[in-house]
PDB file of N, CA and C in Angstrom:
ATOM      1  N   MET A   1     -11.154  22.683  -0.052  1.00  0.00           N
ATOM      2  CA  MET A   1     -10.284  23.758  -0.441  1.00  0.00           C
ATOM      3  C   MET A   1     -10.794  24.317  -1.754  1.00  0.00           C
ATOM      4  N   SER A   2     -10.816  25.573  -1.875  1.00  0.00           N
ATOM      5  CA  SER A   2     -11.373  26.180  -3.086  1.00  0.00           C
ATOM      6  C   SER A   2     -10.362  26.126  -4.224  1.00  0.00           C
ATOM      7  N   ASN A   3     -10.873  26.128  -5.444  1.00  0.00           N
ATOM      8  CA  ASN A   3     -10.015  26.030  -6.615  1.00  0.00           C
ATOM      9  C   ASN A   3      -9.227  27.307  -6.884  1.00  0.00           C
ATOM     10  N   ASN A   4      -9.571  28.422  -6.250  1.00  0.00           N
ATOM     11  CA  ASN A   4      -8.877  29.673  -6.521  1.00  0.00           C
ATOM     12  C   ASN A   4      -7.514  29.759  -5.821  1.00  0.00           C
ATOM     13  N   VAL A   5      -7.135  28.763  -5.021  1.00  0.00           N
ATOM     14  CA  VAL A   5      -5.810  28.742  -4.414  1.00  0.00           C
ATOM     15  C   VAL A   5      -4.911  27.710  -5.078  1.00  0.00           C
ATOM     16  N   LYS A   6      -5.206  27.332  -6.287  1.00  0.00           N
ATOM     17  CA  LYS A   6      -4.414  26.332  -6.991  1.00  0.00           C
ATOM     18  C   LYS A   6      -2.995  26.809  -7.287  1.00  0.00           C
ATOM     19  N   ASP A   7      -2.746  28.101  -7.211  1.00  0.00           N
ATOM     20  CA  ASP A   7      -1.402  28.593  -7.465  1.00  0.00           C
ATOM     21  C   ASP A   7      -0.461  28.241  -6.302  1.00  0.00           C
ATOM     22  N   GLU A   8      -1.004  27.908  -5.134  1.00  0.00           N
ATOM     23  CA  GLU A   8      -0.203  27.436  -4.015  1.00  0.00           C
ATOM     24  C   GLU A   8       0.045  25.937  -4.177  1.00  0.00           C
ATOM     25  N   ASN A   9       1.091  25.442  -3.510  1.00  0.00           N
ATOM     26  CA  ASN A   9       1.351  24.005  -3.535  1.00  0.00           C
ATOM     27  C   ASN A   9       0.415  23.308  -2.565  1.00  0.00           C
ATOM     28  N   PRO A  10      -0.059  22.126  -2.916  1.00  0.00           N
ATOM     29  CA  PRO A  10      -0.923  21.380  -1.979  1.00  0.00           C
ATOM     30  C   PRO A  10      -0.110  20.920  -0.767  1.00  0.00           C
ATOM     31  N   LYS A  11      -0.759  20.811   0.366  1.00  0.00           N
ATOM     32  CA  LYS A  11      -0.087  20.373   1.591  1.00  0.00           C
ATOM     33  C   LYS A  11      -0.032  18.857   1.716  1.00  0.00           C
ATOM     34  N   LEU A  12      -1.032  18.185   1.164  1.00  0.00           N
ATOM     35  CA  LEU A  12      -1.193  16.759   1.446  1.00  0.00           C
ATOM     36  C   LEU A  12      -0.900  15.835   0.269  1.00  0.00           C
ATOM     37  N   SER A  13      -0.574  16.387  -0.873  1.00  0.00           N
ATOM     38  CA  SER A  13      -0.300  15.556  -2.045  1.00  0.00           C
ATOM     39  C   SER A  13       0.794  16.203  -2.879  1.00  0.00           C
ATOM     40  N   LYS A  14       1.304  15.447  -3.852  1.00  0.00           N
ATOM     41  CA  LYS A  14       2.386  15.952  -4.706  1.00  0.00           C
ATOM     42  C   LYS A  14       1.910  17.074  -5.618  1.00  0.00           C
ATOM     43  N   SER A  15       0.703  16.943  -6.102  1.00  0.00           N
ATOM     44  CA  SER A  15       0.143  17.973  -6.977  1.00  0.00           C
ATOM     45  C   SER A  15      -1.365  18.008  -6.783  1.00  0.00           C
ATOM     46  N   TRP A  16      -2.010  19.008  -7.338  1.00  0.00           N
ATOM     47  CA  TRP A  16      -3.458  19.124  -7.226  1.00  0.00           C
ATOM     48  C   TRP A  16      -4.172  18.005  -7.975  1.00  0.00           C
ATOM     49  N   ASN A  17      -3.479  17.363  -8.926  1.00  0.00           N
ATOM     50  CA  ASN A  17      -4.096  16.295  -9.716  1.00  0.00           C
ATOM     51  C   ASN A  17      -3.831  14.907  -9.146  1.00  0.00           C
ATOM     52  N   ASP A  18      -3.033  14.838  -8.089  1.00  0.00           N
ATOM     53  CA  ASP A  18      -2.772  13.566  -7.423  1.00  0.00           C
ATOM     54  C   ASP A  18      -3.665  13.446  -6.192  1.00  0.00           C
ATOM     55  N   PRO A  19      -4.159  12.253  -5.923  1.00  0.00           N
ATOM     56  CA  PRO A  19      -4.978  12.100  -4.708  1.00  0.00           C
ATOM     57  C   PRO A  19      -4.100  12.257  -3.467  1.00  0.00           C
ATOM     58  N   CYS A  20      -4.665  12.822  -2.423  1.00  0.00           N
ATOM     59  CA  CYS A  20      -3.922  12.909  -1.163  1.00  0.00           C
ATOM     60  C   CYS A  20      -4.098  11.637  -0.335  1.00  0.00           C
ATOM     61  N   PHE A  21      -5.135  10.862  -0.668  1.00  0.00           N
ATOM     62  CA  PHE A  21      -5.360   9.599   0.027  1.00  0.00           C
ATOM     63  C   PHE A  21      -6.163   8.672  -0.870  1.00  0.00           C
ATOM     64  N   THR A  22      -5.753   7.411  -0.891  1.00  0.00           N
ATOM     65  CA  THR A  22      -6.473   6.381  -1.647  1.00  0.00           C
ATOM     66  C   THR A  22      -6.743   5.220  -0.707  1.00  0.00           C
ATOM     67  N   ALA A  23      -7.977   4.816  -0.640  1.00  0.00           N
ATOM     68  CA  ALA A  23      -8.365   3.676   0.192  1.00  0.00           C
ATOM     69  C   ALA A  23      -8.830   2.555  -0.716  1.00  0.00           C
ATOM     70  N   VAL A  24      -8.320   1.349  -0.463  1.00  0.00           N
ATOM     71  CA  VAL A  24      -8.733   0.174  -1.222  1.00  0.00           C
ATOM     72  C   VAL A  24      -9.761  -0.585  -0.391  1.00  0.00           C
ATOM     73  N   GLN A  25     -10.924  -0.781  -0.973  1.00  0.00           N
ATOM     74  CA  GLN A  25     -12.021  -1.457  -0.289  1.00  0.00           C
ATOM     75  C   GLN A  25     -11.833  -2.971  -0.375  1.00  0.00           C
ATOM     76  N   GLU A  26     -12.600  -3.706   0.420  1.00  0.00           N
ATOM     77  CA  GLU A  26     -12.503  -5.166   0.437  1.00  0.00           C
ATOM     78  C   GLU A  26     -12.772  -5.784  -0.927  1.00  0.00           C
ATOM     79  N   ASP A  27     -13.638  -5.173  -1.713  1.00  0.00           N
ATOM     80  CA  ASP A  27     -13.966  -5.721  -3.031  1.00  0.00           C
ATOM     81  C   ASP A  27     -12.938  -5.329  -4.102  1.00  0.00           C
ATOM     82  N   GLY A  28     -11.890  -4.614  -3.697  1.00  0.00           N
ATOM     83  CA  GLY A  28     -10.844  -4.218  -4.629  1.00  0.00           C
ATOM     84  C   GLY A  28     -11.038  -2.842  -5.240  1.00  0.00           C
ATOM     85  N   SER A  29     -12.189  -2.250  -5.046  1.00  0.00           N
ATOM     86  CA  SER A  29     -12.424  -0.913  -5.585  1.00  0.00           C
ATOM     87  C   SER A  29     -11.638   0.111  -4.766  1.00  0.00           C
ATOM     88  N   LYS A  30     -11.369   1.242  -5.383  1.00  0.00           N
ATOM     89  CA  LYS A  30     -10.590   2.282  -4.725  1.00  0.00           C
ATOM     90  C   LYS A  30     -11.420   3.555  -4.575  1.00  0.00           C
ATOM     91  N   ILE A  31     -11.182   4.236  -3.472  1.00  0.00           N
ATOM     92  CA  ILE A  31     -11.765   5.552  -3.245  1.00  0.00           C
ATOM     93  C   ILE A  31     -10.598   6.517  -3.142  1.00  0.00           C
ATOM     94  N   GLU A  32     -10.644   7.586  -3.913  1.00  0.00           N
ATOM     95  CA  GLU A  32      -9.579   8.582  -3.901  1.00  0.00           C
ATOM     96  C   GLU A  32     -10.128   9.917  -3.414  1.00  0.00           C
ATOM     97  N   TRP A  33      -9.337  10.606  -2.604  1.00  0.00           N
ATOM     98  CA  TRP A  33      -9.661  11.947  -2.146  1.00  0.00           C
ATOM     99  C   TRP A  33      -8.610  12.896  -2.711  1.00  0.00           C
ATOM    100  N   PHE A  34      -9.076  13.996  -3.282  1.00  0.00           N
ATOM    101  CA  PHE A  34      -8.190  15.011  -3.827  1.00  0.00           C
ATOM    102  C   PHE A  34      -8.270  16.238  -2.938  1.00  0.00           C
ATOM    103  N   GLU A  35      -7.115  16.753  -2.584  1.00  0.00           N
ATOM    104  CA  GLU A  35      -7.064  17.901  -1.682  1.00  0.00           C
ATOM    105  C   GLU A  35      -7.873  19.080  -2.208  1.00  0.00           C
ATOM    106  N   LYS A  36      -7.850  19.292  -3.515  1.00  0.00           N
ATOM    107  CA  LYS A  36      -8.562  20.425  -4.105  1.00  0.00           C
ATOM    108  C   LYS A  36     -10.074  20.340  -3.905  1.00  0.00           C
ATOM    109  N   ASP A  37     -10.585  19.124  -3.636  1.00  0.00           N
ATOM    110  CA  ASP A  37     -12.021  18.919  -3.471  1.00  0.00           C
ATOM    111  C   ASP A  37     -12.483  18.930  -2.012  1.00  0.00           C
ATOM    112  N   LEU A  38     -11.545  19.019  -1.073  1.00  0.00           N
ATOM    113  CA  LEU A  38     -11.901  18.918   0.340  1.00  0.00           C
ATOM    114  C   LEU A  38     -12.340  20.263   0.894  1.00  0.00           C
ATOM    115  N   ASN A  39     -13.410  20.242   1.685  1.00  0.00           N
ATOM    116  CA  ASN A  39     -13.810  21.456   2.391  1.00  0.00           C
ATOM    117  C   ASN A  39     -12.926  21.580   3.640  1.00  0.00           C
ATOM    118  N   PRO A  40     -12.927  22.707   4.321  1.00  0.00           N
ATOM    119  CA  PRO A  40     -12.027  22.907   5.468  1.00  0.00           C
ATOM    120  C   PRO A  40     -12.160  21.837   6.558  1.00  0.00           C
ATOM    121  N   GLU A  41     -13.376  21.437   6.874  1.00  0.00           N
ATOM    122  CA  GLU A  41     -13.568  20.412   7.908  1.00  0.00           C
ATOM    123  C   GLU A  41     -12.972  19.074   7.476  1.00  0.00           C
ATOM    124  N   THR A  42     -13.217  18.676   6.235  1.00  0.00           N
ATOM    125  CA  THR A  42     -12.689  17.413   5.718  1.00  0.00           C
ATOM    126  C   THR A  42     -11.170  17.477   5.595  1.00  0.00           C
ATOM    127  N   LEU A  43     -10.634  18.624   5.267  1.00  0.00           N
ATOM    128  CA  LEU A  43      -9.194  18.800   5.168  1.00  0.00           C
ATOM    129  C   LEU A  43      -8.522  18.560   6.528  1.00  0.00           C
ATOM    130  N   VAL A  44      -9.126  19.051   7.592  1.00  0.00           N
ATOM    131  CA  VAL A  44      -8.596  18.834   8.942  1.00  0.00           C
ATOM    132  C   VAL A  44      -8.595  17.341   9.275  1.00  0.00           C
ATOM    133  N   VAL A  45      -9.695  16.656   8.966  1.00  0.00           N
ATOM    134  CA  VAL A  45      -9.783  15.213   9.234  1.00  0.00           C
ATOM    135  C   VAL A  45      -8.756  14.461   8.395  1.00  0.00           C
ATOM    136  N   MET A  46      -8.590  14.846   7.138  1.00  0.00           N
ATOM    137  CA  MET A  46      -7.610  14.190   6.265  1.00  0.00           C
ATOM    138  C   MET A  46      -6.203  14.375   6.811  1.00  0.00           C
ATOM    139  N   GLU A  47      -5.873  15.574   7.257  1.00  0.00           N
ATOM    140  CA  GLU A  47      -4.550  15.821   7.833  1.00  0.00           C
ATOM    141  C   GLU A  47      -4.316  14.925   9.045  1.00  0.00           C
ATOM    142  N   LYS A  48      -5.309  14.808   9.906  1.00  0.00           N
ATOM    143  CA  LYS A  48      -5.191  13.960  11.093  1.00  0.00           C
ATOM    144  C   LYS A  48      -5.037  12.496  10.712  1.00  0.00           C
ATOM    145  N   LEU A  49      -5.781  12.061   9.697  1.00  0.00           N
ATOM    146  CA  LEU A  49      -5.677  10.684   9.228  1.00  0.00           C
ATOM    147  C   LEU A  49      -4.280  10.404   8.678  1.00  0.00           C
ATOM    148  N   LEU A  50      -3.760  11.304   7.879  1.00  0.00           N
ATOM    149  CA  LEU A  50      -2.428  11.098   7.292  1.00  0.00           C
ATOM    150  C   LEU A  50      -1.332  11.126   8.359  1.00  0.00           C
ATOM    151  N   ILE A  51      -1.476  11.992   9.354  1.00  0.00           N
ATOM    152  CA  ILE A  51      -0.521  12.006  10.472  1.00  0.00           C
ATOM    153  C   ILE A  51      -0.588  10.684  11.219  1.00  0.00           C
ATOM    154  N   ASN A  52      -1.806  10.199  11.460  1.00  0.00           N
ATOM    155  CA  ASN A  52      -1.990   8.924  12.145  1.00  0.00           C
ATOM    156  C   ASN A  52      -1.357   7.776  11.368  1.00  0.00           C
ATOM    157  N   LEU A  53      -1.542   7.760  10.056  1.00  0.00           N
ATOM    158  CA  LEU A  53      -0.940   6.710   9.220  1.00  0.00           C
ATOM    159  C   LEU A  53       0.584   6.775   9.275  1.00  0.00           C
ATOM    160  N   GLN A  54       1.140   7.981   9.270  1.00  0.00           N
ATOM    161  CA  GLN A  54       2.595   8.128   9.352  1.00  0.00           C
ATOM    162  C   GLN A  54       3.110   7.618  10.696  1.00  0.00           C
ATOM    163  N   GLN A  55       2.396   7.939  11.759  1.00  0.00           N
ATOM    164  CA  GLN A  55       2.782   7.446  13.082  1.00  0.00           C
ATOM    165  C   GLN A  55       2.734   5.924  13.130  1.00  0.00           C
ATOM    166  N   ARG A  56       1.706   5.350  12.541  1.00  0.00           N
ATOM    167  CA  ARG A  56       1.588   3.890  12.490  1.00  0.00           C
ATOM    168  C   ARG A  56       2.742   3.284  11.709  1.00  0.00           C
ATOM    169  N   ASN A  57       3.062   3.880  10.567  1.00  0.00           N
ATOM    170  CA  ASN A  57       4.176   3.383   9.764  1.00  0.00           C
ATOM    171  C   ASN A  57       5.498   3.512  10.502  1.00  0.00           C
ATOM    172  N   ASP A  58       5.674   4.618  11.234  1.00  0.00           N
ATOM    173  CA  ASP A  58       6.904   4.815  11.996  1.00  0.00           C
ATOM    174  C   ASP A  58       7.071   3.765  13.083  1.00  0.00           C
ATOM    175  N   LEU A  59       5.978   3.333  13.673  1.00  0.00           N
ATOM    176  CA  LEU A  59       6.027   2.355  14.762  1.00  0.00           C
ATOM    177  C   LEU A  59       5.963   0.905  14.295  1.00  0.00           C
ATOM    178  N   ASP A  60       5.663   0.691  13.030  1.00  0.00           N
ATOM    179  CA  ASP A  60       5.444  -0.673  12.541  1.00  0.00           C
ATOM    180  C   ASP A  60       6.647  -1.579  12.780  1.00  0.00           C
ATOM    181  N   GLY A  61       7.844  -1.085  12.486  1.00  0.00           N
ATOM    182  CA  GLY A  61       9.044  -1.903  12.700  1.00  0.00           C
ATOM    183  C   GLY A  61       9.226  -2.264  14.158  1.00  0.00           C
ATOM    184  N   LYS A  62       9.038  -1.291  15.038  1.00  0.00           N
ATOM    185  CA  LYS A  62       9.153  -1.555  16.473  1.00  0.00           C
ATOM    186  C   LYS A  62       8.065  -2.519  16.925  1.00  0.00           C
ATOM    187  N   TYR A  63       6.871  -2.375  16.355  1.00  0.00           N
ATOM    188  CA  TYR A  63       5.772  -3.273  16.716  1.00  0.00           C
ATOM    189  C   TYR A  63       6.114  -4.712  16.321  1.00  0.00           C
ATOM    190  N   GLN A  64       6.650  -4.879  15.113  1.00  0.00           N
ATOM    191  CA  GLN A  64       7.022  -6.220  14.662  1.00  0.00           C
ATOM    192  C   GLN A  64       8.092  -6.822  15.573  1.00  0.00           C
ATOM    193  N   GLN A  65       9.060  -5.998  15.990  1.00  0.00           N
ATOM    194  CA  GLN A  65      10.087  -6.474  16.920  1.00  0.00           C
ATOM    195  C   GLN A  65       9.457  -6.864  18.252  1.00  0.00           C
ATOM    196  N   ALA A  66       8.508  -6.067  18.719  1.00  0.00           N
ATOM    197  CA  ALA A  66       7.838  -6.360  19.985  1.00  0.00           C
ATOM    198  C   ALA A  66       7.072  -7.676  19.904  1.00  0.00           C
ATOM    199  N   VAL A  67       6.436  -7.936  18.772  1.00  0.00           N
ATOM    200  CA  VAL A  67       5.711  -9.201  18.592  1.00  0.00           C
ATOM    201  C   VAL A  67       6.692 -10.368  18.683  1.00  0.00           C
ATOM    202  N   ILE A  68       7.844 -10.244  18.022  1.00  0.00           N
ATOM    203  CA  ILE A  68       8.858 -11.303  18.054  1.00  0.00           C
ATOM    204  C   ILE A  68       9.374 -11.501  19.480  1.00  0.00           C
ATOM    205  N   ILE A  69       9.623 -10.396  20.187  1.00  0.00           N
ATOM    206  CA  ILE A  69      10.095 -10.489  21.573  1.00  0.00           C
ATOM    207  C   ILE A  69       9.041 -11.145  22.449  1.00  0.00           C
ATOM    208  N   ALA A  70       7.776 -10.768  22.272  1.00  0.00           N
ATOM    209  CA  ALA A  70       6.698 -11.357  23.073  1.00  0.00           C
ATOM    210  C   ALA A  70       6.570 -12.859  22.795  1.00  0.00           C
ATOM    211  N   GLN A  71       6.693 -13.251  21.525  1.00  0.00           N
ATOM    212  CA  GLN A  71       6.631 -14.670  21.182  1.00  0.00           C
ATOM    213  C   GLN A  71       7.819 -15.426  21.778  1.00  0.00           C
ATOM    214  N   SER A  72       8.998 -14.822  21.718  1.00  0.00           N
ATOM    215  CA  SER A  72      10.189 -15.446  22.295  1.00  0.00           C
ATOM    216  C   SER A  72      10.035 -15.600  23.800  1.00  0.00           C
ATOM    217  N   MET A  73       9.514 -14.567  24.449  1.00  0.00           N
ATOM    218  CA  MET A  73       9.307 -14.635  25.893  1.00  0.00           C
ATOM    219  C   MET A  73       8.314 -15.735  26.238  1.00  0.00           C
ATOM    220  N   GLN A  74       7.264 -15.869  25.445  1.00  0.00           N
ATOM    221  CA  GLN A  74       6.285 -16.923  25.701  1.00  0.00           C
ATOM    222  C   GLN A  74       6.918 -18.297  25.558  1.00  0.00           C
ATOM    223  N   GLN A  75       7.770 -18.481  24.550  1.00  0.00           N
ATOM    224  CA  GLN A  75       8.469 -19.757  24.373  1.00  0.00           C
ATOM    225  C   GLN A  75       9.394 -20.037  25.560  1.00  0.00           C
ATOM    226  N   ILE A  76      10.095 -19.000  26.021  1.00  0.00           N
ATOM    227  CA  ILE A  76      10.984 -19.166  27.174  1.00  0.00           C
ATOM    228  C   ILE A  76      10.182 -19.534  28.412  1.00  0.00           C
ATOM    229  N   MET A  77       9.044 -18.882  28.610  1.00  0.00           N
ATOM    230  CA  MET A  77       8.207 -19.188  29.771  1.00  0.00           C
ATOM    231  C   MET A  77       7.626 -20.598  29.677  1.00  0.00           C
ATOM    232  N   ASP A  78       7.257 -21.002  28.470  1.00  0.00           N
ATOM    233  CA  ASP A  78       6.765 -22.367  28.282  1.00  0.00           C
ATOM    234  C   ASP A  78       7.860 -23.382  28.629  1.00  0.00           C
ATOM    235  N   LEU A  79       9.084 -23.125  28.147  1.00  0.00           N
ATOM    236  CA  LEU A  79      10.205 -24.005  28.469  1.00  0.00           C
ATOM    237  C   LEU A  79      10.490 -24.003  29.958  1.00  0.00           C
ATOM    238  N   HIS A  80      10.423 -22.840  30.577  1.00  0.00           N
ATOM    239  CA  HIS A  80      10.617 -22.743  32.020  1.00  0.00           C
ATOM    240  C   HIS A  80       9.625 -23.655  32.740  1.00  0.00           C
ATOM    241  N   GLY A  81       8.373 -23.596  32.325  1.00  0.00           N
ATOM    242  CA  GLY A  81       7.357 -24.451  32.931  1.00  0.00           C
ATOM    243  C   GLY A  81       7.655 -25.923  32.740  1.00  0.00           C
ATOM    244  N   LEU A  82       8.100 -26.289  31.545  1.00  0.00           N
ATOM    245  CA  LEU A  82       8.444 -27.696  31.293  1.00  0.00           C
ATOM    246  C   LEU A  82       9.632 -28.145  32.136  1.00  0.00           C
ATOM    247  N   PHE A  83      10.670 -27.294  32.207  1.00  0.00           N
ATOM    248  CA  PHE A  83      11.850 -27.638  33.007  1.00  0.00           C
ATOM    249  C   PHE A  83      11.493 -27.726  34.484  1.00  0.00           C
ATOM    250  N   TYR A  84      10.671 -26.817  34.950  1.00  0.00           N
ATOM    251  CA  TYR A  84      10.276 -26.842  36.358  1.00  0.00           C
ATOM    252  C   TYR A  84       9.455 -28.089  36.664  1.00  0.00           C
ATOM    253  N   GLU A  85       8.544 -28.435  35.767  1.00  0.00           N
ATOM    254  CA  GLU A  85       7.748 -29.660  35.943  1.00  0.00           C
ATOM    255  C   GLU A  85       8.645 -30.892  35.977  1.00  0.00           C
ATOM    256  N   LYS A  86       9.619 -30.915  35.098  1.00  0.00           N
ATOM    257  CA  LYS A  86      10.574 -32.035  35.063  1.00  0.00           C
ATOM    258  C   LYS A  86      11.366 -32.078  36.368  1.00  0.00           C
ATOM    259  N   LEU A  87      11.797 -30.904  36.833  1.00  0.00           N
ATOM    260  CA  LEU A  87      12.549 -30.839  38.081  1.00  0.00           C
ATOM    261  C   LEU A  87      11.720 -31.363  39.256  1.00  0.00           C
ATOM    262  N   LEU A  88      10.450 -30.998  39.287  1.00  0.00           N
ATOM    263  CA  LEU A  88       9.589 -31.483  40.370  1.00  0.00           C
ATOM    264  C   LEU A  88       9.417 -32.988  40.329  1.00  0.00           C
ATOM    265  N   ASN A  89       9.497 -33.582  39.144  1.00  0.00           N
ATOM    266  CA  ASN A  89       9.319 -35.022  39.005  1.00  0.00           C
ATOM    267  C   ASN A  89      10.583 -35.805  39.338  1.00  0.00           C
ATOM    268  N   LEU A  90      11.706 -35.130  39.437  1.00  0.00           N
ATOM    269  CA  LEU A  90      12.955 -35.785  39.821  1.00  0.00           C
ATOM    270  C   LEU A  90      13.093 -35.722  41.337  1.00  0.00           C
ATOM    271  N   ASN A  91      13.507 -36.832  41.949  1.00  0.00           N
ATOM    272  CA  ASN A  91      13.577 -36.893  43.404  1.00  0.00           C
ATOM    273  C   ASN A  91      14.882 -36.411  44.017  1.00  0.00           C
ATOM    274  N   PRO A  92      16.061 -36.679  43.456  1.00  0.00           N
ATOM    275  CA  PRO A  92      17.312 -36.363  44.157  1.00  0.00           C
ATOM    276  C   PRO A  92      17.409 -34.887  44.559  1.00  0.00           C
ATOM    277  N   GLY A  93      17.685 -34.667  45.832  1.00  0.00           N
ATOM    278  CA  GLY A  93      17.938 -33.333  46.341  1.00  0.00           C
ATOM    279  C   GLY A  93      16.706 -32.497  46.601  1.00  0.00           C
ATOM    280  N   LYS A  94      15.522 -33.053  46.385  1.00  0.00           N
ATOM    281  CA  LYS A  94      14.295 -32.272  46.566  1.00  0.00           C
ATOM    282  C   LYS A  94      13.909 -32.243  48.039  1.00  0.00           C
ATOM    283  N   LYS A  95      13.598 -31.027  48.519  1.00  0.00           N
ATOM    284  CA  LYS A  95      13.110 -30.855  49.887  1.00  0.00           C
ATOM    285  C   LYS A  95      11.776 -30.130  49.801  1.00  0.00           C
ATOM    286  N   ILE A  96      10.810 -30.605  50.543  1.00  0.00           N
ATOM    287  CA  ILE A  96       9.536 -29.903  50.644  1.00  0.00           C
ATOM    288  C   ILE A  96       9.540 -29.233  52.015  1.00  0.00           C
ATOM    289  N   VAL A  97       9.476 -27.913  52.024  1.00  0.00           N
ATOM    290  CA  VAL A  97       9.594 -27.141  53.253  1.00  0.00           C
ATOM    291  C   VAL A  97       8.283 -26.405  53.491  1.00  0.00           C
ATOM    292  N   ASP A  98       7.793 -26.482  54.737  1.00  0.00           N
ATOM    293  CA  ASP A  98       6.581 -25.763  55.105  1.00  0.00           C
ATOM    294  C   ASP A  98       6.852 -25.031  56.406  1.00  0.00           C
ATOM    295  N   SER A  99       6.845 -23.718  56.361  1.00  0.00           N
ATOM    296  CA  SER A  99       7.046 -22.885  57.554  1.00  0.00           C
ATOM    297  C   SER A  99       8.301 -23.270  58.313  1.00  0.00           C
ATOM    298  N   GLU A 100       9.411 -23.282  57.599  1.00  0.00           N
ATOM    299  CA  GLU A 100      10.716 -23.576  58.187  1.00  0.00           C
ATOM    300  C   GLU A 100      10.859 -25.022  58.651  1.00  0.00           C
ATOM    301  N   LYS A 101       9.911 -25.875  58.374  1.00  0.00           N
ATOM    302  CA  LYS A 101       9.987 -27.276  58.787  1.00  0.00           C
ATOM    303  C   LYS A 101      10.109 -28.138  57.537  1.00  0.00           C
ATOM    304  N   VAL A 102      11.090 -29.017  57.506  1.00  0.00           N
ATOM    305  CA  VAL A 102      11.264 -29.901  56.370  1.00  0.00           C
ATOM    306  C   VAL A 102      10.261 -31.036  56.485  1.00  0.00           C
ATOM    307  N   ILE A 103       9.419 -31.176  55.468  1.00  0.00           N
ATOM    308  CA  ILE A 103       8.408 -32.224  55.466  1.00  0.00           C
ATOM    309  C   ILE A 103       8.948 -33.469  54.776  1.00  0.00           C
ATOM    310  N   LEU A 104       9.675 -33.302  53.678  1.00  0.00           N
ATOM    311  CA  LEU A 104      10.199 -34.437  52.933  1.00  0.00           C
ATOM    312  C   LEU A 104      11.555 -34.048  52.395  1.00  0.00           C
ATOM    313  N   GLU A 105      12.500 -34.947  52.537  1.00  0.00           N
ATOM    314  CA  GLU A 105      13.834 -34.713  51.962  1.00  0.00           C
ATOM    315  C   GLU A 105      14.276 -35.981  51.285  1.00  0.00           C
ATOM    316  N   THR A 106      14.710 -35.844  50.047  1.00  0.00           N
ATOM    317  CA  THR A 106      15.231 -36.999  49.316  1.00  0.00           C
ATOM    318  C   THR A 106      16.586 -36.632  48.776  1.00  0.00           C
ATOM    319  N   ASN A 107      17.581 -37.388  49.166  1.00  0.00           N
ATOM    320  CA  ASN A 107      18.938 -37.170  48.693  1.00  0.00           C
ATOM    321  C   ASN A 107      19.490 -38.385  47.982  1.00  0.00           C
ATOM    322  N   ASP A 108      18.644 -39.360  47.746  1.00  0.00           N
ATOM    323  CA  ASP A 108      19.127 -40.564  47.066  1.00  0.00           C
ATOM    324  C   ASP A 108      19.369 -40.273  45.595  1.00  0.00           C
ATOM    325  N   LYS A 109      20.045 -41.150  44.936  1.00  0.00           N
ATOM    326  CA  LYS A 109      20.427 -40.959  43.533  1.00  0.00           C
ATOM    327  C   LYS A 109      19.411 -41.522  42.562  1.00  0.00           C
ATOM    328  N   THR A 110      18.255 -41.982  43.034  1.00  0.00           N
ATOM    329  CA  THR A 110      17.264 -42.546  42.141  1.00  0.00           C
ATOM    330  C   THR A 110      16.421 -41.428  41.530  1.00  0.00           C
ATOM    331  N   LYS A 111      15.996 -41.673  40.319  1.00  0.00           N
ATOM    332  CA  LYS A 111      15.172 -40.707  39.635  1.00  0.00           C
ATOM    333  C   LYS A 111      13.700 -41.087  39.802  1.00  0.00           C
ATOM    334  N   GLY A 112      12.865 -40.086  39.753  1.00  0.00           N
ATOM    335  CA  GLY A 112      11.440 -40.299  39.920  1.00  0.00           C
ATOM    336  C   GLY A 112      10.777 -40.802  38.664  1.00  0.00           C
ATOM    337  N   GLU A 113      11.470 -40.825  37.545  1.00  0.00           N
ATOM    338  CA  GLU A 113      10.869 -41.297  36.297  1.00  0.00           C
ATOM    339  C   GLU A 113      11.616 -42.456  35.736  1.00  0.00           C
TER     340      GLU A 113
END
């Protein structure tokens, strides 16, 4: 963006002297971009980046909830597997059926474990 439009308000930052984007590198150093220094092509990319970051921030809470729900579902499925395995190891009332034919039936009160 050229300096001759400084009388207008910046679109991407609070003021022309504030960076519109700051990136912190792995080594702790920072890179700052100022809207007044961006050419038209870079300005378009910066706008898209900032929109993308806002979308990510908007979804972050829902994403965290989804992670918790997925973890809870996995725990429930794990428990389901354990309960089913335990049920298979218990004999009372178990019937093994193959094509409408009962192969094994146990109705005694003894436990398999």
